[in-house]
Every structure is written in structure tokens, then in C-alpha cells.
Amino acid sequence: MDCLKVSSKSSPASVAGAIAGMVKDGVPVNIQCVGAGAVNQAIKAVAIARGFLIPTGFDISCAPVFSDILINGESRTAIRLSIYVHQINLAAMDNVVMDDVKPVA
């Protein structure tokens, strides 16, 4: 599979499950979105997937790029999200209480 295609009607939880499964299998993850609604669903899916993956010792981040694609012979601009996988040390996080973590202003 070249990339996961997400639409504005995609279920973020379902897409998140696909992302998490691909990460656990060591498969590169790229997400393709056309339109603001699709990008919204994809970003929500990445956030949900992080929740699935962090307890297993993986974290993810994403980087957006523009991509010109053809849909029904018509040229469109899509946003592709490249997913980057980071291994985390869960033992080092045992003493961290996430409720105590404050965002940097």
C-alpha cells in the first residue's frame, strides 16, 4: 500500500487503528488527504494512534507535505502526512505523571 487515503467521512478511530497496526508491523506510514475535513480527520487519527502506541513503547509524529495528484483525470493538491516513529523508554517515564506536565508557553 502506497498510502492511507483519508476523507472527511473517515472514522479517526479506524484510521488510528490502521496507523498503529502498520507502526507495530514496521511498515512505513503515509497518509493522503484532500480537503480541510480530510486533514482534520487524519490529524485526529494521529492523536488517537499516539494513545494506542505510547503504552507499547512507540511514539509518532508527522510532517505534512503538498502533493499533486490526479482524481478522475483532474489535478488536485493533496496533503500527505509522513509518520515518523520514535521508540521511547517506558521505564524512564514510570515516575512521570502526565497531569503534572505543563505546556511551554
Foldseek 3Di string as FASTA:
>chain_A
DPAAEFELPDALCVLLVVVLVCVVVVHWYKYKYADPSRVVSPVSNLVVNQVVCVVVQKGKDWDWDWDWDADPNDTGIIIMIGIDIDGHDVVVCPPPDVVPDDDDD
